[in-house]
Structure formats: structure tokens, C-alpha cells
């Protein structure tokens, strides 16, 4: 994945692969006609891991890491996750706002030099249904992330048997690697 190719993306598609003991995600560019383009990153997360860590690679051979995120604490309902590049350099961080998430999932995302963004489920009704009716975990949701009241990016879960997401980025200076980490975390960590 070329950094300039990734940073030029204003929209991404993310698909979850269903596997027995791991969650896997494919991150794709979006072609000008709206179809799914080249594979930009592949993520894998072990289910029921003691300390949450997800690594993203250039492809499913898992030979070349691109970025990753890792919880600072072992068990914490409002854990902070550090996002790093392949060399371990910090890209940013995100954390769940436990109190605000009781009704509607809320996350805070920070990129050095840019500031803090807040993301929240758009629909209170969908958020409440997903919390109180376990069998509705397949229900689509929409997260809007804003910075100073302005749209930063959005993550939309689409209808379907497999989890699919459309990520739309509104801030050109927003690091796409940080956006990808947050979008994957929304699926991988939401139920925790």
C-alpha cells in the first residue's frame, strides 16, 4: 500500500471475512464508478483476546504490517487504544466514552496536530434496539465523526449477511490509517 495512494482516498469499503477463531477484515479503495477497488489493507483480530490488539497488513499473507492498534490496559470499559504505523510510531489514538455509550455508542479519536474528533451512532432508536435485542446485531448503523462541529468522516454498516462498511472521509488532512483503525475497531470492539 502506497501512502500517497491511501491518503488520496475519500471513500473506503471494509468487508468482514467470517472465520472460526478470528475476525478478518479487508479494506478496499473505491473506484470512480463506486465499485470496490484494490485491496489496501487486511486486518486480523483474535476473538476473546486477553489484551486487545489488531494488526493490519498489506494483504492476507500477513507478511508486511501497515499499522495496528492496541489497548493500553488489559481490562477497561473505556480503554484507550494507541494506533501506530508499521515501525511502531504513533499515528493517533481512540477511546470509547463509556458513560455516553450507555445509550448511544460514542468514541473519541485524536490525531496529533489535528485535534480530537467525536463519533456517535446517528440513530438513537437503532442504538437502543441493538443494545436490548441481541438477535438484531446484524442491524445496520451509521457513525458520524465530527471535529469542532464539522464532519470529519462517517462509517456506515450496510445490510447483509456479512458485515460490510462504507467509510467516507471529509477532512483531507485526516490520516487514512487512523480512520481505517477506527472503522475496524467499530466492528471488532463494539460488543465488548
C-alpha atoms as a PDB file:
ATOM      1  CA  UNK A   1       0.000   0.000   0.000  1.00  0.00           C
ATOM      2  CA  UNK A   2       1.490   3.300  -1.097  1.00  0.00           C
ATOM      3  CA  UNK A   3       0.937   6.069   1.494  1.00  0.00           C
ATOM      4  CA  UNK A   4       0.026   8.661  -1.155  1.00  0.00           C
ATOM      5  CA  UNK A   5      -2.488   6.260  -2.778  1.00  0.00           C
ATOM      6  CA  UNK A   6      -4.111   5.608   0.580  1.00  0.00           C
ATOM      7  CA  UNK A   7      -4.161   9.287   1.596  1.00  0.00           C
ATOM      8  CA  UNK A   8      -5.850  10.203  -1.717  1.00  0.00           C
ATOM      9  CA  UNK A   9      -8.873   8.028  -0.862  1.00  0.00           C
ATOM     10  CA  UNK A  10     -12.040   9.862   0.138  1.00  0.00           C
ATOM     11  CA  UNK A  11     -14.038   6.647   0.452  1.00  0.00           C
ATOM     12  CA  UNK A  12     -13.174   3.095   1.536  1.00  0.00           C
ATOM     13  CA  UNK A  13     -15.022  -0.225   1.640  1.00  0.00           C
ATOM     14  CA  UNK A  14     -14.420  -2.636   4.512  1.00  0.00           C
ATOM     15  CA  UNK A  15     -15.644  -6.246   4.482  1.00  0.00           C
ATOM     16  CA  UNK A  16     -15.500  -8.743   7.287  1.00  0.00           C
ATOM     17  CA  UNK A  17     -14.491 -12.318   6.477  1.00  0.00           C
ATOM     18  CA  UNK A  18     -16.202 -14.902   8.647  1.00  0.00           C
ATOM     19  CA  UNK A  19     -13.704 -17.292  10.268  1.00  0.00           C
ATOM     20  CA  UNK A  20     -13.956 -19.622  13.265  1.00  0.00           C
ATOM     21  CA  UNK A  21     -11.456 -18.159  15.774  1.00  0.00           C
ATOM     22  CA  UNK A  22     -10.578 -14.777  14.276  1.00  0.00           C
ATOM     23  CA  UNK A  23     -12.224 -11.722  12.814  1.00  0.00           C
ATOM     24  CA  UNK A  24     -10.705 -10.728   9.492  1.00  0.00           C
ATOM     25  CA  UNK A  25     -11.284  -7.523   7.561  1.00  0.00           C
ATOM     26  CA  UNK A  26     -10.437  -6.411   4.030  1.00  0.00           C
ATOM     27  CA  UNK A  27     -10.038  -2.689   3.371  1.00  0.00           C
ATOM     28  CA  UNK A  28     -10.528  -1.688  -0.260  1.00  0.00           C
ATOM     29  CA  UNK A  29     -10.174   1.519  -2.251  1.00  0.00           C
ATOM     30  CA  UNK A  30     -13.289   2.665  -4.091  1.00  0.00           C
ATOM     31  CA  UNK A  31     -13.151   3.066  -7.876  1.00  0.00           C
ATOM     32  CA  UNK A  32     -14.526   6.240  -9.526  1.00  0.00           C
ATOM     33  CA  UNK A  33     -17.669   4.306 -10.534  1.00  0.00           C
ATOM     34  CA  UNK A  34     -18.307   3.363  -6.870  1.00  0.00           C
ATOM     35  CA  UNK A  35     -17.241  -0.271  -7.226  1.00  0.00           C
ATOM     36  CA  UNK A  36     -14.763  -1.945  -4.899  1.00  0.00           C
ATOM     37  CA  UNK A  37     -11.157  -1.305  -5.914  1.00  0.00           C
ATOM     38  CA  UNK A  38      -7.748  -2.616  -4.911  1.00  0.00           C
ATOM     39  CA  UNK A  39      -7.028  -4.177  -1.530  1.00  0.00           C
ATOM     40  CA  UNK A  40      -5.338  -1.567   0.684  1.00  0.00           C
ATOM     41  CA  UNK A  41      -5.105  -3.461   3.958  1.00  0.00           C
ATOM     42  CA  UNK A  42      -6.008  -6.730   5.647  1.00  0.00           C
ATOM     43  CA  UNK A  43      -6.716  -6.959   9.385  1.00  0.00           C
ATOM     44  CA  UNK A  44      -6.943  -9.878  11.747  1.00  0.00           C
ATOM     45  CA  UNK A  45      -8.181  -9.909  15.340  1.00  0.00           C
ATOM     46  CA  UNK A  46      -8.190 -12.920  17.635  1.00  0.00           C
ATOM     47  CA  UNK A  47     -11.536 -13.376  19.330  1.00  0.00           C
ATOM     48  CA  UNK A  48     -11.580 -13.355  23.120  1.00  0.00           C
ATOM     49  CA  UNK A  49      -8.044 -11.972  23.353  1.00  0.00           C
ATOM     50  CA  UNK A  50      -6.928 -11.032  26.881  1.00  0.00           C
ATOM     51  CA  UNK A  51      -5.438  -7.720  25.730  1.00  0.00           C
ATOM     52  CA  UNK A  52      -6.982  -6.296  22.590  1.00  0.00           C
ATOM     53  CA  UNK A  53      -4.594  -5.891  19.661  1.00  0.00           C
ATOM     54  CA  UNK A  54      -5.276  -5.750  15.923  1.00  0.00           C
ATOM     55  CA  UNK A  55      -2.605  -5.631  13.213  1.00  0.00           C
ATOM     56  CA  UNK A  56      -3.306  -4.540   9.637  1.00  0.00           C
ATOM     57  CA  UNK A  57      -1.153  -5.868   6.800  1.00  0.00           C
ATOM     58  CA  UNK A  58      -0.789  -5.094   3.095  1.00  0.00           C
ATOM     59  CA  UNK A  59      -2.618  -8.342   2.239  1.00  0.00           C
ATOM     60  CA  UNK A  60      -3.810 -11.664   3.667  1.00  0.00           C
ATOM     61  CA  UNK A  61      -0.344 -13.242   3.542  1.00  0.00           C
ATOM     62  CA  UNK A  62       0.334 -11.126   6.657  1.00  0.00           C
ATOM     63  CA  UNK A  63       3.980 -10.593   5.655  1.00  0.00           C
ATOM     64  CA  UNK A  64       4.122  -6.783   5.741  1.00  0.00           C
ATOM     65  CA  UNK A  65       2.408  -4.868   8.568  1.00  0.00           C
ATOM     66  CA  UNK A  66       0.970  -1.445   7.769  1.00  0.00           C
ATOM     67  CA  UNK A  67      -0.450  -0.318  11.104  1.00  0.00           C
ATOM     68  CA  UNK A  68      -2.009  -1.601  14.266  1.00  0.00           C
ATOM     69  CA  UNK A  69      -3.911  -0.654  17.360  1.00  0.00           C
ATOM     70  CA  UNK A  70      -3.535  -1.943  20.880  1.00  0.00           C
ATOM     71  CA  UNK A  71      -5.302  -1.358  24.192  1.00  0.00           C
ATOM     72  CA  UNK A  72      -3.237   0.343  26.865  1.00  0.00           C
ATOM     73  CA  UNK A  73      -4.990  -1.547  29.649  1.00  0.00           C
ATOM     74  CA  UNK A  74      -5.897  -5.210  29.910  1.00  0.00           C
ATOM     75  CA  UNK A  75      -9.467  -4.756  31.160  1.00  0.00           C
ATOM     76  CA  UNK A  76     -11.102  -1.345  30.998  1.00  0.00           C
ATOM     77  CA  UNK A  77     -14.584  -0.398  29.812  1.00  0.00           C
ATOM     78  CA  UNK A  78     -13.265   2.918  28.496  1.00  0.00           C
ATOM     79  CA  UNK A  79      -9.885   1.668  27.293  1.00  0.00           C
ATOM     80  CA  UNK A  80      -7.616   3.859  25.207  1.00  0.00           C
ATOM     81  CA  UNK A  81      -6.203   2.291  22.034  1.00  0.00           C
ATOM     82  CA  UNK A  82      -2.924   3.530  20.581  1.00  0.00           C
ATOM     83  CA  UNK A  83      -2.655   3.436  16.782  1.00  0.00           C
ATOM     84  CA  UNK A  84       0.846   3.008  15.358  1.00  0.00           C
ATOM     85  CA  UNK A  85       2.413   2.649  11.931  1.00  0.00           C
ATOM     86  CA  UNK A  86       4.416  -0.400  10.806  1.00  0.00           C
ATOM     87  CA  UNK A  87       7.526   0.890  12.623  1.00  0.00           C
ATOM     88  CA  UNK A  88       5.635   1.440  15.886  1.00  0.00           C
ATOM     89  CA  UNK A  89       5.454   5.238  15.543  1.00  0.00           C
ATOM     90  CA  UNK A  90       2.263   6.799  16.930  1.00  0.00           C
ATOM     91  CA  UNK A  91      -0.413   7.843  14.435  1.00  0.00           C
ATOM     92  CA  UNK A  92      -3.107   8.685  16.970  1.00  0.00           C
ATOM     93  CA  UNK A  93      -5.448   7.125  19.484  1.00  0.00           C
ATOM     94  CA  UNK A  94      -9.083   6.390  20.137  1.00  0.00           C
ATOM     95  CA  UNK A  95     -11.199   5.535  23.161  1.00  0.00           C
ATOM     96  CA  UNK A  96     -14.765   4.660  23.928  1.00  0.00           C
ATOM     97  CA  UNK A  97     -16.718   7.116  26.062  1.00  0.00           C
ATOM     98  CA  UNK A  98     -18.292   4.564  28.420  1.00  0.00           C
ATOM     99  CA  UNK A  99     -20.822   6.891  30.039  1.00  0.00           C
ATOM    100  CA  UNK A 100     -22.083   8.412  26.778  1.00  0.00           C
ATOM    101  CA  UNK A 101     -22.154   4.927  25.216  1.00  0.00           C
ATOM    102  CA  UNK A 102     -24.783   3.619  27.605  1.00  0.00           C
ATOM    103  CA  UNK A 103     -27.467   4.918  25.223  1.00  0.00           C
ATOM    104  CA  UNK A 104     -25.585   5.551  22.006  1.00  0.00           C
ATOM    105  CA  UNK A 105     -22.031   4.322  21.295  1.00  0.00           C
ATOM    106  CA  UNK A 106     -19.608   7.247  21.410  1.00  0.00           C
ATOM    107  CA  UNK A 107     -15.900   7.265  20.567  1.00  0.00           C
ATOM    108  CA  UNK A 108     -13.183   9.911  20.737  1.00  0.00           C
ATOM    109  CA  UNK A 109     -10.389   9.893  18.174  1.00  0.00           C
ATOM    110  CA  UNK A 110      -7.223  12.014  18.246  1.00  0.00           C
ATOM    111  CA  UNK A 111      -4.659  12.721  15.556  1.00  0.00           C
ATOM    112  CA  UNK A 112      -1.501  14.635  16.597  1.00  0.00           C
ATOM    113  CA  UNK A 113      -1.510  18.123  15.115  1.00  0.00           C
ATOM    114  CA  UNK A 114      -5.142  17.888  14.061  1.00  0.00           C
ATOM    115  CA  UNK A 115      -7.117  17.556  17.285  1.00  0.00           C
ATOM    116  CA  UNK A 116      -9.918  15.461  18.712  1.00  0.00           C
ATOM    117  CA  UNK A 117     -12.933  14.085  16.867  1.00  0.00           C
ATOM    118  CA  UNK A 118     -16.035  12.582  18.430  1.00  0.00           C
ATOM    119  CA  UNK A 119     -18.041   9.832  16.753  1.00  0.00           C
ATOM    120  CA  UNK A 120     -21.500   8.724  17.728  1.00  0.00           C
ATOM    121  CA  UNK A 121     -24.213   6.458  16.361  1.00  0.00           C
ATOM    122  CA  UNK A 122     -26.554   8.641  14.335  1.00  0.00           C
ATOM    123  CA  UNK A 123     -29.813   6.897  15.287  1.00  0.00           C
ATOM    124  CA  UNK A 124     -30.757   6.637  18.944  1.00  0.00           C
ATOM    125  CA  UNK A 125     -33.500   4.116  18.039  1.00  0.00           C
ATOM    126  CA  UNK A 126     -31.117   1.787  16.213  1.00  0.00           C
ATOM    127  CA  UNK A 127     -28.629   2.118  19.092  1.00  0.00           C
ATOM    128  CA  UNK A 128     -31.298   1.156  21.643  1.00  0.00           C
ATOM    129  CA  UNK A 129     -32.563  -1.761  19.539  1.00  0.00           C
ATOM    130  CA  UNK A 130     -29.028  -3.120  19.133  1.00  0.00           C
ATOM    131  CA  UNK A 131     -28.466  -2.974  22.899  1.00  0.00           C
ATOM    132  CA  UNK A 132     -31.663  -4.593  24.076  1.00  0.00           C
ATOM    133  CA  UNK A 133     -32.373  -7.169  21.352  1.00  0.00           C
ATOM    134  CA  UNK A 134     -29.326  -9.443  20.899  1.00  0.00           C
ATOM    135  CA  UNK A 135     -30.652 -11.024  17.709  1.00  0.00           C
ATOM    136  CA  UNK A 136     -30.520  -7.623  15.978  1.00  0.00           C
ATOM    137  CA  UNK A 137     -26.712  -7.353  15.957  1.00  0.00           C
ATOM    138  CA  UNK A 138     -26.906  -7.512  12.127  1.00  0.00           C
ATOM    139  CA  UNK A 139     -28.845  -4.234  12.085  1.00  0.00           C
ATOM    140  CA  UNK A 140     -27.047  -1.525  10.072  1.00  0.00           C
ATOM    141  CA  UNK A 141     -25.717   1.502  11.891  1.00  0.00           C
ATOM    142  CA  UNK A 142     -24.218   4.842  10.988  1.00  0.00           C
ATOM    143  CA  UNK A 143     -21.439   6.610  12.909  1.00  0.00           C
ATOM    144  CA  UNK A 144     -20.687  10.272  12.285  1.00  0.00           C
ATOM    145  CA  UNK A 145     -17.333  11.647  13.474  1.00  0.00           C
ATOM    146  CA  UNK A 146     -17.073  15.404  13.839  1.00  0.00           C
ATOM    147  CA  UNK A 147     -14.389  17.891  14.782  1.00  0.00           C
ATOM    148  CA  UNK A 148     -15.433  21.320  16.045  1.00  0.00           C
ATOM    149  CA  UNK A 149     -18.958  20.627  14.793  1.00  0.00           C
ATOM    150  CA  UNK A 150     -17.792  19.859  11.242  1.00  0.00           C
ATOM    151  CA  UNK A 151     -17.976  16.403   9.585  1.00  0.00           C
ATOM    152  CA  UNK A 152     -14.652  14.526   9.725  1.00  0.00           C
ATOM    153  CA  UNK A 153     -15.697  11.064   8.485  1.00  0.00           C
ATOM    154  CA  UNK A 154     -18.527   8.555   8.664  1.00  0.00           C
ATOM    155  CA  UNK A 155     -18.767   4.782   8.904  1.00  0.00           C
ATOM    156  CA  UNK A 156     -21.936   3.129   7.607  1.00  0.00           C
ATOM    157  CA  UNK A 157     -22.668  -0.550   8.226  1.00  0.00           C
ATOM    158  CA  UNK A 158     -24.664  -1.927   5.276  1.00  0.00           C
ATOM    159  CA  UNK A 159     -27.447  -4.522   5.222  1.00  0.00           C
ATOM    160  CA  UNK A 160     -26.264  -8.065   4.560  1.00  0.00           C
ATOM    161  CA  UNK A 161     -25.293 -11.409   5.995  1.00  0.00           C
ATOM    162  CA  UNK A 162     -21.638 -10.381   6.261  1.00  0.00           C
ATOM    163  CA  UNK A 163     -20.578  -7.104   7.840  1.00  0.00           C
ATOM    164  CA  UNK A 164     -19.804  -4.511   5.164  1.00  0.00           C
ATOM    165  CA  UNK A 165     -18.940  -0.865   5.736  1.00  0.00           C
ATOM    166  CA  UNK A 166     -18.649   2.269   3.645  1.00  0.00           C
ATOM    167  CA  UNK A 167     -16.256   4.839   5.097  1.00  0.00           C
ATOM    168  CA  UNK A 168     -16.482   8.398   3.772  1.00  0.00           C
ATOM    169  CA  UNK A 169     -13.730  10.875   4.698  1.00  0.00           C
ATOM    170  CA  UNK A 170     -14.497  14.605   4.663  1.00  0.00           C
ATOM    171  CA  UNK A 171     -11.251  16.053   6.091  1.00  0.00           C
ATOM    172  CA  UNK A 172      -8.379  15.839   3.586  1.00  0.00           C
ATOM    173  CA  UNK A 173      -5.705  16.125   6.323  1.00  0.00           C
ATOM    174  CA  UNK A 174      -7.125  13.189   8.299  1.00  0.00           C
ATOM    175  CA  UNK A 175      -4.702  10.236   8.314  1.00  0.00           C
ATOM    176  CA  UNK A 176      -6.486   7.403   6.481  1.00  0.00           C
ATOM    177  CA  UNK A 177      -4.636   4.813   8.580  1.00  0.00           C
ATOM    178  CA  UNK A 178      -6.249   6.243  11.716  1.00  0.00           C
ATOM    179  CA  UNK A 179      -9.666   6.184  10.021  1.00  0.00           C
ATOM    180  CA  UNK A 180      -9.164   2.538   8.997  1.00  0.00           C
ATOM    181  CA  UNK A 181      -8.158   1.578  12.544  1.00  0.00           C
ATOM    182  CA  UNK A 182     -11.274   3.271  13.962  1.00  0.00           C
ATOM    183  CA  UNK A 183     -13.589   1.714  11.359  1.00  0.00           C
ATOM    184  CA  UNK A 184     -12.247  -1.800  12.035  1.00  0.00           C
ATOM    185  CA  UNK A 185     -12.487  -1.164  15.797  1.00  0.00           C
ATOM    186  CA  UNK A 186     -16.155  -0.210  15.468  1.00  0.00           C
ATOM    187  CA  UNK A 187     -16.862  -3.774  14.354  1.00  0.00           C
ATOM    188  CA  UNK A 188     -14.228  -5.609  16.357  1.00  0.00           C
ATOM    189  CA  UNK A 189     -14.793  -3.835  19.672  1.00  0.00           C
ATOM    190  CA  UNK A 190     -18.430  -2.690  19.653  1.00  0.00           C
ATOM    191  CA  UNK A 191     -19.807  -5.675  21.553  1.00  0.00           C
ATOM    192  CA  UNK A 192     -17.106  -5.597  24.234  1.00  0.00           C
END
